[in-house]
Amino acid sequence: FAVTHDNRKPLDPQSDQSLCRPPDSRYIGNWKSSFLPHEIYHGQEATHQRVMVMVGSEPGPQSHRGLLINLTEAMPADVNAYERIAEIVDVDAEHKRTARERYKQYREQGCAMETHNL
């Protein structure tokens, strides 16, 4: 797999062994008890009933439409297909601008809006 961040060179887990180790519990608590079973979504149903998270770029299966976490700069194709949609907006001015545009679009489509400043 490859991880990219801010247009830097993708990280290679073969050469960076720190990516392959379990996360340091000082930073995220007890990772073994907080693990969420997940799968990459390619149009299939979850392979096990304990899979609670589907990661992908297309609408998830009906069984996984309680919450969509939108990590893109685009509006989801069908906002009414999900019970809730969450977006994480960072402090970058351009990201804030596009997030405000999506906020207006969500509101225009009748979504009940909540914001949480963390």
C-alpha atoms as a PDB file:
ATOM      1  CA  PHE A   1       0.000   0.000   0.000  1.00  0.00           C
ATOM      2  CA  ALA A   2       1.030   3.632  -0.225  1.00  0.00           C
ATOM      3  CA  VAL A   3       0.315   6.573   2.055  1.00  0.00           C
ATOM      4  CA  THR A   4       0.683  10.105   0.740  1.00  0.00           C
ATOM      5  CA  HIS A   5       0.617  13.378   2.638  1.00  0.00           C
ATOM      6  CA  ASP A   6       0.980  16.944   1.348  1.00  0.00           C
ATOM      7  CA  ASN A   7       2.398  15.874  -2.030  1.00  0.00           C
ATOM      8  CA  ARG A   8       5.363  14.162  -0.395  1.00  0.00           C
ATOM      9  CA  LYS A   9       6.797  10.921  -1.712  1.00  0.00           C
ATOM     10  CA  PRO A  10       4.603   7.906  -0.806  1.00  0.00           C
ATOM     11  CA  LEU A  11       5.808   5.997   2.224  1.00  0.00           C
ATOM     12  CA  ASP A  12       6.910   2.424   1.617  1.00  0.00           C
ATOM     13  CA  PRO A  13       6.047   0.030   4.483  1.00  0.00           C
ATOM     14  CA  GLN A  14       8.843  -2.300   3.300  1.00  0.00           C
ATOM     15  CA  SER A  15      11.485   0.341   3.985  1.00  0.00           C
ATOM     16  CA  ASP A  16       9.777   2.099   6.892  1.00  0.00           C
ATOM     17  CA  GLN A  17       9.202  -0.636   9.459  1.00  0.00           C
ATOM     18  CA  SER A  18       7.573   1.825  11.873  1.00  0.00           C
ATOM     19  CA  LEU A  19       4.437   1.679   9.699  1.00  0.00           C
ATOM     20  CA  CYS A  20       4.211  -2.072  10.222  1.00  0.00           C
ATOM     21  CA  ARG A  21       4.378  -2.013  14.015  1.00  0.00           C
ATOM     22  CA  PRO A  22       1.311  -1.580  16.232  1.00  0.00           C
ATOM     23  CA  PRO A  23       0.675   2.038  17.195  1.00  0.00           C
ATOM     24  CA  ASP A  24       2.206   3.333  20.398  1.00  0.00           C
ATOM     25  CA  SER A  25      -0.469   3.130  23.114  1.00  0.00           C
ATOM     26  CA  ARG A  26       0.793   6.365  24.666  1.00  0.00           C
ATOM     27  CA  TYR A  27      -0.784   8.164  21.716  1.00  0.00           C
ATOM     28  CA  ILE A  28      -4.057   6.361  21.094  1.00  0.00           C
ATOM     29  CA  GLY A  29      -4.843   4.388  24.230  1.00  0.00           C
ATOM     30  CA  ASN A  30      -5.390   0.641  24.218  1.00  0.00           C
ATOM     31  CA  TRP A  31      -5.389  -0.067  20.478  1.00  0.00           C
ATOM     32  CA  LYS A  32      -6.080  -3.792  20.886  1.00  0.00           C
ATOM     33  CA  SER A  33      -9.471  -3.187  22.516  1.00  0.00           C
ATOM     34  CA  SER A  34     -10.401  -0.246  20.275  1.00  0.00           C
ATOM     35  CA  PHE A  35      -9.746  -1.921  16.898  1.00  0.00           C
ATOM     36  CA  LEU A  36     -12.635  -1.630  14.432  1.00  0.00           C
ATOM     37  CA  PRO A  37     -12.970  -4.538  11.979  1.00  0.00           C
ATOM     38  CA  HIS A  38     -12.883  -3.003   8.495  1.00  0.00           C
ATOM     39  CA  GLU A  39     -12.625  -3.890   4.812  1.00  0.00           C
ATOM     40  CA  ILE A  40     -11.867  -2.171   1.539  1.00  0.00           C
ATOM     41  CA  TYR A  41     -15.200  -1.850  -0.288  1.00  0.00           C
ATOM     42  CA  HIS A  42     -15.423  -2.890  -3.943  1.00  0.00           C
ATOM     43  CA  GLY A  43     -19.184  -3.436  -4.252  1.00  0.00           C
ATOM     44  CA  GLN A  44     -19.410  -6.540  -2.040  1.00  0.00           C
ATOM     45  CA  GLU A  45     -21.227  -7.149   1.221  1.00  0.00           C
ATOM     46  CA  ALA A  46     -19.071  -7.356   4.341  1.00  0.00           C
ATOM     47  CA  THR A  47     -17.355 -10.721   4.616  1.00  0.00           C
ATOM     48  CA  HIS A  48     -18.142 -11.027   8.326  1.00  0.00           C
ATOM     49  CA  GLN A  49     -20.897  -9.652  10.547  1.00  0.00           C
ATOM     50  CA  ARG A  50     -18.320  -7.955  12.804  1.00  0.00           C
ATOM     51  CA  VAL A  51     -17.025  -5.758   9.958  1.00  0.00           C
ATOM     52  CA  MET A  52     -18.383  -2.368  10.962  1.00  0.00           C
ATOM     53  CA  VAL A  53     -16.332  -0.136   8.656  1.00  0.00           C
ATOM     54  CA  MET A  54     -16.184  -0.226   4.856  1.00  0.00           C
ATOM     55  CA  VAL A  55     -13.555   2.003   3.226  1.00  0.00           C
ATOM     56  CA  GLY A  56     -14.046   3.001  -0.389  1.00  0.00           C
ATOM     57  CA  SER A  57     -14.915   5.610  -2.964  1.00  0.00           C
ATOM     58  CA  GLU A  58     -18.385   4.432  -3.945  1.00  0.00           C
ATOM     59  CA  PRO A  59     -21.636   4.263  -1.947  1.00  0.00           C
ATOM     60  CA  GLY A  60     -21.420   1.513   0.652  1.00  0.00           C
ATOM     61  CA  PRO A  61     -23.781  -1.447   0.953  1.00  0.00           C
ATOM     62  CA  GLN A  62     -27.188  -0.888   2.559  1.00  0.00           C
ATOM     63  CA  SER A  63     -25.931  -2.600   5.728  1.00  0.00           C
ATOM     64  CA  HIS A  64     -23.285   0.112   6.216  1.00  0.00           C
ATOM     65  CA  ARG A  65     -25.143   3.352   5.607  1.00  0.00           C
ATOM     66  CA  GLY A  66     -25.547   4.563   9.175  1.00  0.00           C
ATOM     67  CA  LEU A  67     -22.579   6.922   8.949  1.00  0.00           C
ATOM     68  CA  LEU A  68     -20.509   8.171   6.033  1.00  0.00           C
ATOM     69  CA  ILE A  69     -17.230   9.883   6.887  1.00  0.00           C
ATOM     70  CA  ASN A  70     -16.507  11.979   3.813  1.00  0.00           C
ATOM     71  CA  LEU A  71     -12.750  12.492   3.441  1.00  0.00           C
ATOM     72  CA  THR A  72     -12.952  14.030  -0.027  1.00  0.00           C
ATOM     73  CA  GLU A  73     -13.456  17.554  -1.319  1.00  0.00           C
ATOM     74  CA  ALA A  74     -16.620  16.455  -3.170  1.00  0.00           C
ATOM     75  CA  MET A  75     -20.232  16.036  -2.104  1.00  0.00           C
ATOM     76  CA  PRO A  76     -21.380  12.427  -1.688  1.00  0.00           C
ATOM     77  CA  ALA A  77     -23.453  11.266  -4.660  1.00  0.00           C
ATOM     78  CA  ASP A  78     -26.617  10.674  -2.607  1.00  0.00           C
ATOM     79  CA  VAL A  79     -26.671  12.444   0.758  1.00  0.00           C
ATOM     80  CA  ASN A  80     -30.079  10.941   1.553  1.00  0.00           C
ATOM     81  CA  ALA A  81     -28.683   7.398   1.366  1.00  0.00           C
ATOM     82  CA  TYR A  82     -26.999   7.811   4.773  1.00  0.00           C
ATOM     83  CA  GLU A  83     -28.389   8.420   8.245  1.00  0.00           C
ATOM     84  CA  ARG A  84     -25.475  10.726   9.080  1.00  0.00           C
ATOM     85  CA  ILE A  85     -22.535  12.258   7.229  1.00  0.00           C
ATOM     86  CA  ALA A  86     -19.429  13.534   8.985  1.00  0.00           C
ATOM     87  CA  GLU A  87     -16.659  15.676   7.564  1.00  0.00           C
ATOM     88  CA  ILE A  88     -13.384  16.634   9.189  1.00  0.00           C
ATOM     89  CA  VAL A  89     -12.232  20.101   8.193  1.00  0.00           C
ATOM     90  CA  ASP A  90      -8.680  21.182   8.909  1.00  0.00           C
ATOM     91  CA  VAL A  91      -7.344  24.718   9.257  1.00  0.00           C
ATOM     92  CA  ASP A  92      -6.127  25.080   5.665  1.00  0.00           C
ATOM     93  CA  ALA A  93      -7.894  28.080   4.082  1.00  0.00           C
ATOM     94  CA  GLU A  94      -8.715  26.273   0.820  1.00  0.00           C
ATOM     95  CA  HIS A  95     -10.095  23.224   2.662  1.00  0.00           C
ATOM     96  CA  LYS A  96     -12.259  25.516   4.791  1.00  0.00           C
ATOM     97  CA  ARG A  97     -13.566  27.265   1.677  1.00  0.00           C
ATOM     98  CA  THR A  98     -14.592  24.034  -0.055  1.00  0.00           C
ATOM     99  CA  ALA A  99     -16.060  22.688   3.199  1.00  0.00           C
ATOM    100  CA  ARG A 100     -18.228  25.812   3.495  1.00  0.00           C
ATOM    101  CA  GLU A 101     -19.466  25.246  -0.057  1.00  0.00           C
ATOM    102  CA  ARG A 102     -20.396  21.651   0.805  1.00  0.00           C
ATOM    103  CA  TYR A 103     -22.080  22.848   4.011  1.00  0.00           C
ATOM    104  CA  LYS A 104     -24.335  25.107   1.937  1.00  0.00           C
ATOM    105  CA  GLN A 105     -25.104  22.238  -0.460  1.00  0.00           C
ATOM    106  CA  TYR A 106     -25.972  19.890   2.417  1.00  0.00           C
ATOM    107  CA  ARG A 107     -28.286  22.527   3.870  1.00  0.00           C
ATOM    108  CA  GLU A 108     -29.924  23.129   0.457  1.00  0.00           C
ATOM    109  CA  GLN A 109     -30.624  19.394   0.229  1.00  0.00           C
ATOM    110  CA  GLY A 110     -32.444  19.488   3.557  1.00  0.00           C
ATOM    111  CA  CYS A 111     -29.807  17.935   5.799  1.00  0.00           C
ATOM    112  CA  ALA A 112     -29.962  18.760   9.513  1.00  0.00           C
ATOM    113  CA  MET A 113     -26.599  20.360  10.196  1.00  0.00           C
ATOM    114  CA  GLU A 114     -24.420  20.237  13.326  1.00  0.00           C
ATOM    115  CA  THR A 115     -20.908  21.567  13.777  1.00  0.00           C
ATOM    116  CA  HIS A 116     -18.385  20.560  16.425  1.00  0.00           C
ATOM    117  CA  ASN A 117     -15.228  22.569  17.011  1.00  0.00           C
ATOM    118  CA  LEU A 118     -12.510  20.337  18.387  1.00  0.00           C
END
